[in-house]
Protein backbone atom coordinates (compact mmCIF):
# COMPACT_ATOMS: atom_id res chain seq x y z
CA UNK A 1 88.97 -40.89 26.76
CA UNK A 2 87.70 -44.13 25.24
CA UNK A 3 89.52 -47.00 26.98
CA UNK A 4 88.35 -49.91 24.85
CA UNK A 5 90.24 -49.11 21.66
CA UNK A 6 91.85 -52.06 19.93
CA UNK A 7 94.25 -50.51 17.44
CA UNK A 8 95.80 -52.08 14.37
CA UNK A 9 98.41 -49.53 13.30
CA UNK A 10 99.49 -49.17 9.66
CA UNK A 11 102.50 -46.89 9.22
CA UNK A 12 105.71 -46.06 7.34
CA UNK A 13 107.87 -45.71 10.40
CA UNK A 14 109.74 -42.48 10.11
CA UNK A 15 110.09 -39.86 12.81
CA UNK A 16 106.49 -38.79 13.42
CA UNK A 17 105.36 -42.43 13.21
CA UNK A 18 107.98 -43.24 15.87
CA UNK A 19 106.58 -40.55 18.19
CA UNK A 20 103.13 -42.00 17.52
CA UNK A 21 104.34 -45.47 18.49
CA UNK A 22 105.65 -44.02 21.75
CA UNK A 23 102.25 -42.40 22.37
CA UNK A 24 100.45 -45.68 21.68
CA UNK A 25 102.91 -47.58 23.88
CA UNK A 26 102.11 -45.21 26.74
CA UNK A 27 98.39 -45.99 26.34
CA UNK A 28 99.09 -49.72 26.27
CA UNK A 29 101.22 -49.54 29.40
CA UNK A 30 98.51 -47.49 31.14
CA UNK A 31 95.82 -50.02 30.19
CA UNK A 32 93.98 -47.46 28.06
CA UNK A 33 94.28 -49.18 24.67
CA UNK A 34 95.40 -52.41 23.06
CA UNK A 35 97.87 -52.48 20.18
CA UNK A 36 96.79 -55.59 18.30
CA UNK A 37 99.48 -55.32 15.65
CA UNK A 38 101.41 -53.09 13.28
CA UNK A 39 101.81 -53.22 9.51
CA UNK A 40 104.35 -51.20 7.56
CA UNK A 41 104.20 -49.73 4.07
CA UNK A 42 106.39 -47.84 1.61
CA UNK A 43 106.43 -44.09 2.19
CA UNK A 44 108.92 -42.40 4.48
CA UNK A 45 111.15 -45.47 4.05
CA UNK A 46 110.90 -48.97 2.58
CA UNK A 47 108.56 -51.28 4.54
CA UNK A 48 111.19 -53.71 5.82
CA UNK A 49 113.24 -50.85 7.29
CA UNK A 50 109.97 -49.46 8.64
CA UNK A 51 109.18 -52.78 10.33
CA UNK A 52 112.62 -52.95 11.95
CA UNK A 53 112.20 -49.34 13.10
CA UNK A 54 108.81 -50.22 14.55
CA UNK A 55 110.32 -53.11 16.50
CA UNK A 56 113.11 -50.84 17.77
CA UNK A 57 110.68 -48.18 18.99
CA UNK A 58 108.28 -50.60 20.66
CA UNK A 59 111.18 -52.35 22.40
CA UNK A 60 112.58 -48.99 23.53
CA UNK A 61 109.15 -48.19 24.98
CA UNK A 62 109.17 -51.38 27.01
CA UNK A 63 106.71 -53.44 24.94
CA UNK A 64 107.28 -56.97 23.73
CA UNK A 65 107.23 -56.90 19.92
CA UNK A 66 107.75 -59.46 17.24
CA UNK A 67 107.34 -63.19 17.79
CA UNK A 68 106.45 -62.93 21.50
CA UNK A 69 104.55 -59.65 21.53
CA UNK A 70 102.96 -57.12 19.20
CA UNK A 71 103.20 -58.61 15.68
CA UNK A 72 104.80 -56.31 13.09
CA UNK A 73 104.06 -57.33 9.48
CA UNK A 74 105.91 -56.01 6.43
CA UNK A 75 103.52 -54.53 3.88
CA UNK A 76 103.43 -53.20 0.34
CA UNK A 77 106.78 -52.16 -1.09
CA UNK A 78 105.31 -49.98 -3.82
CA UNK A 79 102.09 -48.17 -4.74
CA UNK A 80 99.35 -49.66 -6.89
CA UNK A 81 99.92 -47.58 -10.03
CA UNK A 82 103.09 -45.48 -9.88
CA UNK A 83 106.75 -45.62 -8.94
CA UNK A 84 107.77 -45.73 -5.30
CA UNK A 85 109.22 -42.62 -3.63
CA UNK A 86 110.74 -42.17 -0.16
CA UNK A 87 111.07 -39.16 2.16
CA UNK A 88 114.73 -39.55 3.17
CA UNK A 89 115.29 -35.77 3.34
CA UNK A 90 112.66 -35.57 6.09
CA UNK A 91 113.36 -38.80 7.97
CA UNK A 92 116.94 -39.79 7.17
CA UNK A 93 118.41 -42.75 5.32
CA UNK A 94 117.28 -45.09 8.10
CA UNK A 95 113.89 -43.40 8.65
CA UNK A 96 114.87 -42.36 12.18
CA UNK A 97 117.01 -39.30 11.60
CA UNK A 98 120.20 -41.20 10.70
CA UNK A 99 120.51 -42.53 14.25
CA UNK A 100 121.76 -45.93 12.99
CA UNK A 101 120.26 -47.83 15.90
CA UNK A 102 121.22 -51.47 16.56
CA UNK A 103 119.12 -54.35 15.27
CA UNK A 104 115.92 -54.98 17.25
CA UNK A 105 115.57 -58.14 19.31
CA UNK A 106 112.30 -59.11 17.62
CA UNK A 107 111.72 -59.98 13.97
CA UNK A 108 108.87 -59.11 11.61
CA UNK A 109 105.87 -61.43 11.57
CA UNK A 110 105.29 -63.79 8.63
CA UNK A 111 102.74 -62.79 6.01
CA UNK A 112 101.86 -59.42 4.55
CA UNK A 113 100.41 -56.43 6.36
CA UNK A 114 97.28 -56.56 4.14
CA UNK A 115 96.71 -60.20 5.03
CA UNK A 116 97.20 -59.34 8.72
CA UNK A 117 94.45 -56.69 8.47
CA UNK A 118 92.02 -59.21 6.98
CA UNK A 119 92.92 -61.97 9.44
CA UNK A 120 92.65 -59.78 12.54
CA UNK A 121 89.39 -58.19 11.35
CA UNK A 122 87.89 -61.67 10.88
CA UNK A 123 89.19 -62.85 14.27
CA UNK A 124 87.86 -59.76 16.06
CA UNK A 125 84.86 -58.47 14.07
CA UNK A 126 83.69 -55.03 15.07
CA UNK A 127 86.61 -54.43 17.44
CA UNK A 128 89.48 -53.00 15.38
CA UNK A 129 90.29 -49.36 14.86
CA UNK A 130 92.55 -49.24 11.79
CA UNK A 131 94.92 -46.32 12.34
CA UNK A 132 96.80 -45.49 9.13
CA UNK A 133 99.55 -42.88 9.08
CA UNK A 134 101.32 -43.79 5.84
CA UNK A 135 100.26 -44.40 2.24
CA UNK A 136 97.10 -46.49 2.13
CA UNK A 137 98.36 -49.34 -0.07
CA UNK A 138 97.92 -52.02 2.62
CA UNK A 139 94.36 -50.92 3.37
CA UNK A 140 93.50 -50.79 -0.33
CA UNK A 141 94.96 -54.26 -0.85
CA UNK A 142 93.04 -55.59 2.17
CA UNK A 143 89.80 -54.25 0.69
CA UNK A 144 90.57 -56.15 -2.53
CA UNK A 145 91.38 -59.33 -0.58
CA UNK A 146 88.11 -59.35 1.37
CA UNK A 147 85.01 -57.55 0.14
CA UNK A 148 83.41 -57.97 3.58
CA UNK A 149 86.21 -56.10 5.34
CA UNK A 150 84.30 -52.80 5.76
CA UNK A 151 81.62 -54.58 7.82
CA UNK A 152 84.25 -56.14 10.10
CA UNK A 153 86.15 -52.98 11.14
CA UNK A 154 84.97 -50.62 13.87
CA UNK A 155 86.58 -47.49 12.39
CA UNK A 156 89.37 -46.30 10.11
CA UNK A 157 91.41 -43.26 11.16
CA UNK A 158 93.73 -41.86 8.48
CA UNK A 159 96.37 -39.15 8.68
CA UNK A 160 96.35 -37.68 5.20
CA UNK A 161 95.00 -35.17 2.74
CA UNK A 162 94.73 -31.42 2.52
CA UNK A 163 91.73 -29.24 1.76
CA UNK A 164 92.17 -25.56 2.65
CA UNK A 165 95.84 -26.13 3.47
CA UNK A 166 98.52 -26.35 0.76
CA UNK A 167 99.96 -29.75 -0.02
CA UNK A 168 103.27 -30.83 1.43
CA UNK A 169 104.63 -32.84 -1.49
CA UNK A 170 103.03 -30.96 -4.40
CA UNK A 171 101.10 -27.70 -4.46
CA UNK A 172 97.83 -29.47 -3.63
CA UNK A 173 98.64 -33.03 -2.52
CA UNK A 174 99.59 -34.33 0.91
CA UNK A 175 102.31 -36.99 0.95
CA UNK A 176 100.43 -40.04 2.28
CA UNK A 177 97.67 -39.67 -0.32
CA UNK A 178 100.06 -38.71 -3.15
CA UNK A 179 102.23 -41.78 -2.54
CA UNK A 180 99.28 -44.01 -3.56
CA UNK A 181 96.22 -42.09 -4.80
CA UNK A 182 94.47 -45.20 -6.13
CA UNK A 183 94.64 -46.97 -2.76
CA UNK A 184 93.47 -43.84 -0.94
CA UNK A 185 90.44 -43.52 -3.21
CA UNK A 186 89.55 -47.16 -2.55
CA UNK A 187 89.63 -46.46 1.19
CA UNK A 188 87.44 -43.34 0.92
CA UNK A 189 84.98 -45.15 -1.38
CA UNK A 190 84.50 -48.15 0.94
CA UNK A 191 81.43 -48.38 3.17
CA UNK A 192 83.12 -48.12 6.55
CA UNK A 193 83.44 -45.25 9.07
CA UNK A 194 86.47 -43.13 8.14
CA UNK A 195 87.99 -40.26 10.12
CA UNK A 196 90.45 -38.24 8.05
CA UNK A 197 93.04 -36.04 9.78
CA UNK A 198 94.48 -33.73 7.09
CA UNK A 199 97.19 -31.08 7.09
CA UNK A 200 94.47 -28.52 7.91
CA UNK A 201 94.28 -30.10 11.39
CA UNK A 202 97.88 -31.26 11.89
CA UNK A 203 99.88 -28.17 10.90
CA UNK A 204 98.44 -25.94 13.66
CA UNK A 205 99.74 -28.47 16.23
CA UNK A 206 103.43 -27.81 15.37
CA UNK A 207 105.72 -27.98 18.40
CA UNK A 208 108.44 -25.36 18.80
CA UNK A 209 111.45 -24.56 20.98
CA UNK A 210 109.65 -24.55 24.33
CA UNK A 211 108.15 -28.01 23.84
CA UNK A 212 111.36 -29.43 22.37
CA UNK A 213 113.38 -27.98 25.25
CA UNK A 214 111.06 -29.53 27.84
CA UNK A 215 111.50 -32.90 26.17
CA UNK A 216 115.28 -32.51 26.01
CA UNK A 217 115.43 -31.63 29.72
CA UNK A 218 114.52 -35.22 30.63
CA UNK A 219 117.28 -37.80 30.76
CA UNK A 220 115.34 -41.04 30.34
CA UNK A 221 116.42 -43.29 27.46
CA UNK A 222 113.09 -42.79 25.65
CA UNK A 223 113.24 -38.99 26.04
CA UNK A 224 116.82 -38.96 24.75
CA UNK A 225 115.78 -41.07 21.75
CA UNK A 226 112.81 -38.80 20.98
CA UNK A 227 114.97 -35.69 21.31
CA UNK A 228 117.60 -37.15 19.00
CA UNK A 229 115.22 -38.03 16.16
CA UNK A 230 113.32 -34.76 16.54
CA UNK A 231 116.55 -32.80 16.06
CA UNK A 232 116.74 -34.17 12.51
CA UNK A 233 113.02 -33.58 11.92
CA UNK A 234 113.16 -30.00 13.23
CA UNK A 235 116.13 -29.24 10.96
CA UNK A 236 114.02 -30.42 8.02
CA UNK A 237 110.94 -28.50 9.14
CA UNK A 238 112.45 -25.16 10.11
CA UNK A 239 112.45 -23.66 6.57
CA UNK A 240 108.75 -24.51 6.18
CA UNK A 241 107.70 -23.28 9.63
CA UNK A 242 110.12 -20.30 9.49
CA UNK A 243 111.11 -21.01 13.07
CA UNK A 244 112.53 -24.06 14.78
CA UNK A 245 109.91 -26.73 15.27
CA UNK A 246 108.21 -29.77 13.80
CA UNK A 247 104.75 -31.05 12.95
CA UNK A 248 104.12 -34.48 14.50
CA UNK A 249 101.21 -35.19 12.15
CA UNK A 250 100.65 -38.87 12.90
CA UNK A 251 100.33 -38.47 16.65
CA UNK A 252 97.28 -36.23 16.22
CA UNK A 253 95.52 -38.96 14.25
CA UNK A 254 96.34 -41.47 16.99
CA UNK A 255 95.10 -39.14 19.70
CA UNK A 256 91.82 -38.47 17.87
CA UNK A 257 91.39 -42.23 17.42
CA UNK A 258 91.29 -42.72 21.20
CA UNK A 259 89.78 -39.35 22.16
CA UNK A 260 87.58 -38.03 19.33
CA UNK A 261 86.37 -35.18 21.52
CA UNK A 262 89.75 -33.49 21.12
CA UNK A 263 88.90 -32.60 17.51
CA UNK A 264 86.50 -30.51 15.45
CA UNK A 265 84.99 -32.15 12.36
CA UNK A 266 82.92 -31.76 9.24
CA UNK A 267 81.27 -34.65 7.39
CA UNK A 268 81.63 -34.80 3.61
CA UNK A 269 82.31 -37.42 0.95
CA UNK A 270 85.97 -37.33 -0.08
CA UNK A 271 87.48 -38.21 -3.45
CA UNK A 272 91.06 -38.35 -4.67
CA UNK A 273 92.16 -36.76 -7.94
CA UNK A 274 93.75 -39.56 -9.97
CA UNK A 275 94.40 -37.95 -13.37
CA UNK A 276 95.24 -34.29 -12.92
CA UNK A 277 98.60 -33.31 -14.37
CA UNK A 278 99.20 -30.83 -11.54
CA UNK A 279 96.73 -32.14 -8.96
CA UNK A 280 97.15 -35.95 -8.84
CA UNK A 281 96.81 -37.12 -5.23
CA UNK A 282 94.74 -34.14 -4.12
CA UNK A 283 91.85 -34.82 -1.73
CA UNK A 284 88.65 -33.18 -2.92
CA UNK A 285 85.41 -32.41 -1.12
CA UNK A 286 82.38 -30.39 -2.16
CA UNK A 287 82.50 -27.40 0.18
CA UNK A 288 79.70 -25.48 -1.52
CA UNK A 289 76.74 -24.42 0.59
CA UNK A 290 74.58 -26.69 -1.60
CA UNK A 291 76.86 -29.67 -2.30
CA UNK A 292 76.00 -32.06 -5.09
CA UNK A 293 74.45 -35.41 -4.25
CA UNK A 294 77.10 -38.09 -3.73
CA UNK A 295 76.68 -41.83 -3.36
CA UNK A 296 79.79 -42.13 -1.19
CA UNK A 297 79.56 -42.46 2.56
CA UNK A 298 80.62 -39.16 4.18
CA UNK A 299 84.07 -39.03 5.76
CA UNK A 300 84.48 -37.38 9.15
CA UNK A 301 87.20 -34.83 8.41
CA UNK A 302 89.09 -33.18 11.28
CA UNK A 303 89.35 -29.44 10.71
CA UNK A 304 90.88 -28.49 14.06
CA UNK A 305 91.81 -29.75 17.51
CA UNK A 306 92.64 -28.64 21.04
CA UNK A 307 96.28 -27.86 20.25
CA UNK A 308 97.48 -27.31 23.81
CA UNK A 309 95.88 -30.55 25.01
CA UNK A 310 97.48 -32.46 22.13
CA UNK A 311 100.93 -31.08 22.82
CA UNK A 312 100.75 -31.65 26.58
CA UNK A 313 99.39 -35.19 26.26
CA UNK A 314 102.03 -36.16 23.72
CA UNK A 315 104.84 -34.82 25.89
CA UNK A 316 103.44 -36.53 28.98
CA UNK A 317 103.16 -39.81 27.07
CA UNK A 318 106.78 -39.77 25.95
CA UNK A 319 108.00 -38.82 29.41
CA UNK A 320 105.96 -41.59 31.02
CA UNK A 321 108.00 -44.32 29.31
């Protein structure tokens, strides 16, 4: 595992983002990664609620957050070119499974999440891994704020897209990309290293009764919190999976950011369909044996992972807090 990752996390803190924050907190506490900051964006929930959720989760995990610790900046409240939509059916009115948790001790940082990306990239050139598990509006805005940004970032790891797998918000489109297709296309067009973790890789990692029961058997405050929010998430997921379980998409992207060897990849330029009546927000690659020439930098697309290792590491991370 790479132990020098400096992560700037961009998310829309719902349930799988919360589990990902717990995973990242376990790495921070073990000295295996640094969490430089967090930015929130519209998506599962509005970005202010997402920022407060982020503060709650980090504080529950034993990390200082807010003014005296990990800065959490509120980001874009809407997409670049369409109306905003939330995923309350999947994450609850509060984004955390209707748990109605108390206010966090910390408060969001001043300034926007996009400005935070630019500032931190300029302060720490070549160090940051941008991990994005929500719509890509903040990253797209940061690219527009600073044309040199791609040369300042070590790597961008995105949970989003679908290729051979059906979409999860329309027939072809995955939610994070569909929520802001224009921003996503800006990110995939930029000249920086991008790792994309689509539904093709995340869906096979679904956790089911055995994993959920092992989590629920632990009586620590963090394990009880994770069990509680996953109950809501599993209820939402069961009709799709046709058995009780949940797909913790975002945590796979985080794990591949710190341990790329856990995944299997192909390299291809990626584009986002912006105008299709039925396919807007779809990620597109040229999978032909003789693909057409493309001026875009290839994206490293995860097509699989070591599922058992992912599940065991995620469980161990949550139980370590």
